[in-house]
Amino acid sequence: MNLSQEDWTSQLKLDENAVIIDVRTEDEWNDGIISGALLNDIHTGQAFIYKLEDLDKTKNYYVYCKAGGRSAQACSIMGQMGFGNTFNLEGGFMNWKGEIIFPDTE
């Protein structure tokens, strides 16, 4: 399901069963992330699928990329894999108005 920035943020705040997934590349990830996000680059092919298989399908997944295209594709893949609740951030990270943090680059 596609959610506007506002709906995504407000729903996420109230969701105690939420997991945020960033499907951008590691380089994009290093430019800043939404707090609490897990990196799973959709361009890694089978590795992307393996990481999804390790996730709890009963959680609610809030997925984003740079503009919303890759995350929409990720939500579709997750739905096919049996994930019940996936939410795509419309407009992606480039339109994100919320808090941005920088991941540790060690």
N, C-alpha and C. Protein backbone atom coordinates (compact mmCIF):
# COMPACT_ATOMS: atom_id res chain seq x y z
N MET A 1 0.84 -1.17 0.00
CA MET A 1 0.00 0.00 0.00
C MET A 1 0.89 1.25 0.00
N ASN A 2 0.57 2.18 -0.87
CA ASN A 2 1.29 3.44 -0.92
C ASN A 2 0.71 4.40 0.11
N LEU A 3 1.60 5.04 0.86
CA LEU A 3 1.17 6.04 1.84
C LEU A 3 1.88 7.35 1.56
N SER A 4 1.17 8.44 1.73
CA SER A 4 1.78 9.77 1.62
C SER A 4 2.78 9.92 2.76
N GLN A 5 3.66 10.90 2.64
CA GLN A 5 4.63 11.18 3.70
C GLN A 5 3.92 11.35 5.05
N GLU A 6 2.85 12.12 5.04
CA GLU A 6 2.12 12.42 6.27
C GLU A 6 1.49 11.15 6.86
N ASP A 7 0.82 10.36 6.04
CA ASP A 7 0.17 9.14 6.52
C ASP A 7 1.20 8.12 6.99
N TRP A 8 2.29 8.00 6.25
CA TRP A 8 3.37 7.05 6.59
C TRP A 8 3.92 7.39 7.96
N THR A 9 4.19 8.68 8.20
CA THR A 9 4.76 9.13 9.47
C THR A 9 3.79 8.94 10.63
N SER A 10 2.54 9.34 10.44
CA SER A 10 1.58 9.25 11.55
C SER A 10 1.25 7.80 11.87
N GLN A 11 1.12 6.96 10.86
CA GLN A 11 0.82 5.54 11.08
C GLN A 11 2.00 4.86 11.76
N LEU A 12 3.21 5.19 11.31
CA LEU A 12 4.41 4.60 11.88
C LEU A 12 4.54 4.92 13.37
N LYS A 13 4.24 6.15 13.75
CA LYS A 13 4.35 6.57 15.16
C LYS A 13 3.45 5.75 16.07
N LEU A 14 2.30 5.32 15.56
CA LEU A 14 1.33 4.59 16.37
C LEU A 14 1.51 3.07 16.29
N ASP A 15 2.40 2.61 15.44
CA ASP A 15 2.54 1.18 15.16
C ASP A 15 3.64 0.56 16.02
N GLU A 16 3.23 -0.25 16.99
CA GLU A 16 4.21 -0.91 17.87
C GLU A 16 4.80 -2.16 17.23
N ASN A 17 4.32 -2.52 16.05
CA ASN A 17 4.78 -3.73 15.36
C ASN A 17 5.52 -3.35 14.07
N ALA A 18 6.09 -2.14 14.03
CA ALA A 18 6.66 -1.59 12.81
C ALA A 18 8.14 -1.92 12.64
N VAL A 19 8.53 -2.14 11.38
CA VAL A 19 9.93 -2.27 10.98
C VAL A 19 10.11 -1.39 9.74
N ILE A 20 11.17 -0.57 9.74
CA ILE A 20 11.45 0.31 8.59
C ILE A 20 12.56 -0.33 7.77
N ILE A 21 12.33 -0.42 6.47
CA ILE A 21 13.34 -0.99 5.57
C ILE A 21 13.70 0.03 4.49
N ASP A 22 14.99 0.25 4.33
CA ASP A 22 15.54 1.13 3.30
C ASP A 22 16.10 0.22 2.21
N VAL A 23 15.54 0.31 1.00
CA VAL A 23 15.97 -0.58 -0.09
C VAL A 23 16.92 0.12 -1.07
N ARG A 24 17.51 1.25 -0.63
CA ARG A 24 18.48 1.95 -1.47
C ARG A 24 19.85 1.26 -1.42
N THR A 25 20.78 1.79 -2.18
CA THR A 25 22.14 1.27 -2.18
C THR A 25 22.87 1.71 -0.92
N GLU A 26 23.99 1.08 -0.62
CA GLU A 26 24.76 1.46 0.55
C GLU A 26 25.26 2.90 0.44
N ASP A 27 25.64 3.33 -0.77
CA ASP A 27 26.07 4.72 -0.95
C ASP A 27 24.94 5.70 -0.61
N GLU A 28 23.73 5.39 -1.07
CA GLU A 28 22.59 6.24 -0.76
C GLU A 28 22.31 6.23 0.75
N TRP A 29 22.41 5.06 1.35
CA TRP A 29 22.22 4.86 2.79
C TRP A 29 23.16 5.77 3.58
N ASN A 30 24.40 5.84 3.14
CA ASN A 30 25.41 6.64 3.84
C ASN A 30 25.14 8.14 3.75
N ASP A 31 24.26 8.55 2.82
CA ASP A 31 23.89 9.96 2.70
C ASP A 31 22.84 10.39 3.72
N GLY A 32 22.33 9.44 4.50
CA GLY A 32 21.33 9.72 5.51
C GLY A 32 20.19 8.73 5.43
N ILE A 33 19.60 8.44 6.60
CA ILE A 33 18.52 7.45 6.67
C ILE A 33 17.41 7.96 7.60
N ILE A 34 16.28 7.28 7.53
CA ILE A 34 15.21 7.49 8.49
C ILE A 34 15.57 6.66 9.72
N SER A 35 15.50 7.28 10.88
CA SER A 35 15.90 6.62 12.13
C SER A 35 15.24 5.26 12.30
N GLY A 36 16.05 4.27 12.64
CA GLY A 36 15.55 2.92 12.89
C GLY A 36 15.51 2.02 11.67
N ALA A 37 15.86 2.55 10.50
CA ALA A 37 15.77 1.77 9.27
C ALA A 37 16.83 0.67 9.20
N LEU A 38 16.45 -0.42 8.53
CA LEU A 38 17.35 -1.51 8.21
C LEU A 38 17.68 -1.42 6.73
N LEU A 39 18.93 -1.62 6.36
CA LEU A 39 19.33 -1.57 4.96
C LEU A 39 19.14 -2.94 4.32
N ASN A 40 18.44 -2.97 3.19
CA ASN A 40 18.32 -4.17 2.36
C ASN A 40 18.22 -3.71 0.91
N ASP A 41 19.36 -3.52 0.27
CA ASP A 41 19.46 -3.01 -1.10
C ASP A 41 18.76 -3.95 -2.08
N ILE A 42 17.72 -3.44 -2.72
CA ILE A 42 16.94 -4.26 -3.67
C ILE A 42 17.78 -4.69 -4.87
N HIS A 43 18.86 -3.97 -5.16
CA HIS A 43 19.70 -4.31 -6.31
C HIS A 43 20.66 -5.47 -6.06
N THR A 44 20.62 -6.06 -4.86
CA THR A 44 21.53 -7.18 -4.57
C THR A 44 20.95 -8.52 -4.99
N GLY A 45 19.80 -8.50 -5.66
CA GLY A 45 19.23 -9.73 -6.22
C GLY A 45 18.84 -10.75 -5.15
N GLN A 46 19.44 -11.94 -5.26
CA GLN A 46 19.07 -13.03 -4.36
C GLN A 46 19.39 -12.69 -2.89
N ALA A 47 20.44 -11.91 -2.66
CA ALA A 47 20.77 -11.51 -1.28
C ALA A 47 19.62 -10.70 -0.67
N PHE A 48 18.97 -9.88 -1.48
CA PHE A 48 17.81 -9.12 -1.03
C PHE A 48 16.71 -10.08 -0.56
N ILE A 49 16.45 -11.12 -1.36
CA ILE A 49 15.42 -12.12 -1.03
C ILE A 49 15.80 -12.86 0.26
N TYR A 50 17.06 -13.27 0.37
CA TYR A 50 17.51 -13.99 1.58
C TYR A 50 17.28 -13.16 2.83
N LYS A 51 17.58 -11.86 2.76
CA LYS A 51 17.37 -10.99 3.93
C LYS A 51 15.88 -10.89 4.25
N LEU A 52 15.04 -10.84 3.23
CA LEU A 52 13.60 -10.79 3.47
C LEU A 52 13.12 -12.07 4.14
N GLU A 53 13.67 -13.21 3.71
CA GLU A 53 13.25 -14.50 4.27
C GLU A 53 13.54 -14.60 5.76
N ASP A 54 14.50 -13.82 6.25
CA ASP A 54 14.85 -13.84 7.67
C ASP A 54 13.92 -12.97 8.52
N LEU A 55 13.04 -12.21 7.88
CA LEU A 55 12.17 -11.28 8.61
C LEU A 55 10.89 -11.95 9.08
N ASP A 56 10.32 -11.41 10.14
CA ASP A 56 9.07 -11.87 10.72
C ASP A 56 7.91 -11.35 9.86
N LYS A 57 7.18 -12.25 9.22
CA LYS A 57 6.10 -11.84 8.31
C LYS A 57 4.89 -11.25 9.03
N THR A 58 4.86 -11.34 10.36
CA THR A 58 3.73 -10.79 11.11
C THR A 58 3.93 -9.32 11.45
N LYS A 59 5.11 -8.78 11.19
CA LYS A 59 5.38 -7.36 11.46
C LYS A 59 4.80 -6.50 10.34
N ASN A 60 4.75 -5.19 10.59
CA ASN A 60 4.32 -4.22 9.59
C ASN A 60 5.56 -3.53 9.05
N TYR A 61 5.76 -3.59 7.74
CA TYR A 61 6.98 -3.08 7.13
C TYR A 61 6.74 -1.78 6.39
N TYR A 62 7.51 -0.77 6.78
CA TYR A 62 7.47 0.56 6.17
C TYR A 62 8.72 0.65 5.32
N VAL A 63 8.53 0.72 4.00
CA VAL A 63 9.62 0.57 3.04
C VAL A 63 9.82 1.88 2.28
N TYR A 64 11.09 2.25 2.11
CA TYR A 64 11.37 3.45 1.33
C TYR A 64 12.64 3.28 0.51
N CYS A 65 12.72 4.11 -0.55
CA CYS A 65 13.92 4.23 -1.39
C CYS A 65 14.10 5.72 -1.67
N LYS A 66 14.77 6.06 -2.73
CA LYS A 66 15.01 7.47 -3.01
C LYS A 66 13.75 8.18 -3.49
N ALA A 67 13.03 7.58 -4.44
CA ALA A 67 11.88 8.26 -5.05
C ALA A 67 10.55 7.51 -4.91
N GLY A 68 10.59 6.26 -4.47
CA GLY A 68 9.35 5.50 -4.28
C GLY A 68 9.17 4.33 -5.23
N GLY A 69 9.97 4.26 -6.29
CA GLY A 69 9.83 3.18 -7.27
C GLY A 69 10.36 1.84 -6.79
N ARG A 70 11.59 1.84 -6.31
CA ARG A 70 12.18 0.58 -5.82
C ARG A 70 11.44 0.06 -4.61
N SER A 71 11.00 0.97 -3.74
CA SER A 71 10.29 0.52 -2.55
C SER A 71 8.92 -0.05 -2.91
N ALA A 72 8.27 0.49 -3.94
CA ALA A 72 7.00 -0.08 -4.40
C ALA A 72 7.24 -1.50 -4.93
N GLN A 73 8.33 -1.67 -5.67
CA GLN A 73 8.70 -2.99 -6.17
C GLN A 73 9.00 -3.94 -5.01
N ALA A 74 9.71 -3.46 -3.99
CA ALA A 74 10.03 -4.29 -2.83
C ALA A 74 8.75 -4.71 -2.11
N CYS A 75 7.80 -3.79 -1.96
CA CYS A 75 6.53 -4.13 -1.31
C CYS A 75 5.79 -5.21 -2.09
N SER A 76 5.84 -5.12 -3.41
CA SER A 76 5.20 -6.13 -4.26
C SER A 76 5.85 -7.50 -4.06
N ILE A 77 7.17 -7.53 -4.06
CA ILE A 77 7.91 -8.78 -3.83
C ILE A 77 7.57 -9.35 -2.46
N MET A 78 7.56 -8.48 -1.46
CA MET A 78 7.25 -8.93 -0.10
C MET A 78 5.84 -9.51 -0.01
N GLY A 79 4.90 -8.87 -0.70
CA GLY A 79 3.53 -9.39 -0.73
C GLY A 79 3.48 -10.79 -1.33
N GLN A 80 4.23 -11.01 -2.41
CA GLN A 80 4.29 -12.32 -3.05
C GLN A 80 4.92 -13.36 -2.14
N MET A 81 5.77 -12.91 -1.21
CA MET A 81 6.45 -13.82 -0.28
C MET A 81 5.62 -14.07 0.98
N GLY A 82 4.46 -13.45 1.08
CA GLY A 82 3.58 -13.71 2.21
C GLY A 82 3.58 -12.67 3.31
N PHE A 83 4.23 -11.54 3.07
CA PHE A 83 4.18 -10.45 4.04
C PHE A 83 2.81 -9.79 3.94
N GLY A 84 2.12 -9.68 5.06
CA GLY A 84 0.75 -9.18 5.05
C GLY A 84 0.64 -7.67 4.98
N ASN A 85 1.58 -6.96 5.61
CA ASN A 85 1.45 -5.51 5.71
C ASN A 85 2.75 -4.82 5.31
N THR A 86 2.73 -4.24 4.11
CA THR A 86 3.87 -3.45 3.64
C THR A 86 3.35 -2.08 3.20
N PHE A 87 4.10 -1.05 3.56
CA PHE A 87 3.69 0.32 3.27
C PHE A 87 4.82 1.05 2.57
N ASN A 88 4.55 1.51 1.36
CA ASN A 88 5.53 2.21 0.54
C ASN A 88 5.44 3.71 0.80
N LEU A 89 6.59 4.34 1.01
CA LEU A 89 6.65 5.79 1.21
C LEU A 89 6.60 6.48 -0.14
N GLU A 90 5.45 7.10 -0.45
CA GLU A 90 5.30 7.82 -1.72
C GLU A 90 6.28 8.99 -1.77
N GLY A 91 6.98 9.12 -2.89
CA GLY A 91 7.93 10.21 -3.06
C GLY A 91 9.30 9.91 -2.50
N GLY A 92 9.39 8.87 -1.68
CA GLY A 92 10.67 8.39 -1.18
C GLY A 92 11.43 9.36 -0.30
N PHE A 93 12.68 9.00 -0.06
CA PHE A 93 13.56 9.73 0.85
C PHE A 93 13.84 11.14 0.37
N MET A 94 13.86 11.35 -0.94
CA MET A 94 14.21 12.69 -1.44
C MET A 94 13.15 13.72 -1.07
N ASN A 95 11.95 13.28 -0.74
CA ASN A 95 10.89 14.19 -0.31
C ASN A 95 10.61 14.10 1.18
N TRP A 96 11.42 13.34 1.90
CA TRP A 96 11.21 13.11 3.33
C TRP A 96 11.36 14.40 4.12
N LYS A 97 10.38 14.69 4.95
CA LYS A 97 10.38 15.92 5.75
C LYS A 97 10.73 15.65 7.21
N GLY A 98 10.81 14.38 7.58
CA GLY A 98 11.08 14.01 8.97
C GLY A 98 12.57 14.03 9.30
N GLU A 99 12.87 13.49 10.47
CA GLU A 99 14.23 13.46 10.96
C GLU A 99 15.11 12.54 10.08
N ILE A 100 16.33 12.99 9.84
CA ILE A 100 17.30 12.21 9.10
C ILE A 100 18.50 12.01 10.02
N ILE A 101 18.99 10.77 10.08
CA ILE A 101 20.20 10.50 10.84
C ILE A 101 21.23 9.91 9.87
N PHE A 102 22.48 9.88 10.32
CA PHE A 102 23.54 9.33 9.50
C PHE A 102 24.03 8.04 10.13
N PRO A 103 24.05 6.95 9.35
CA PRO A 103 24.49 5.68 9.91
C PRO A 103 25.98 5.71 10.25
N ASP A 104 26.34 4.86 11.20
CA ASP A 104 27.76 4.73 11.54
C ASP A 104 28.48 4.11 10.36
N THR A 105 29.54 4.73 9.93
CA THR A 105 30.31 4.18 8.80
C THR A 105 31.65 3.72 9.34
N GLU A 106 31.64 2.49 9.78
CA GLU A 106 32.88 1.91 10.36
C GLU A 106 33.47 0.91 9.41
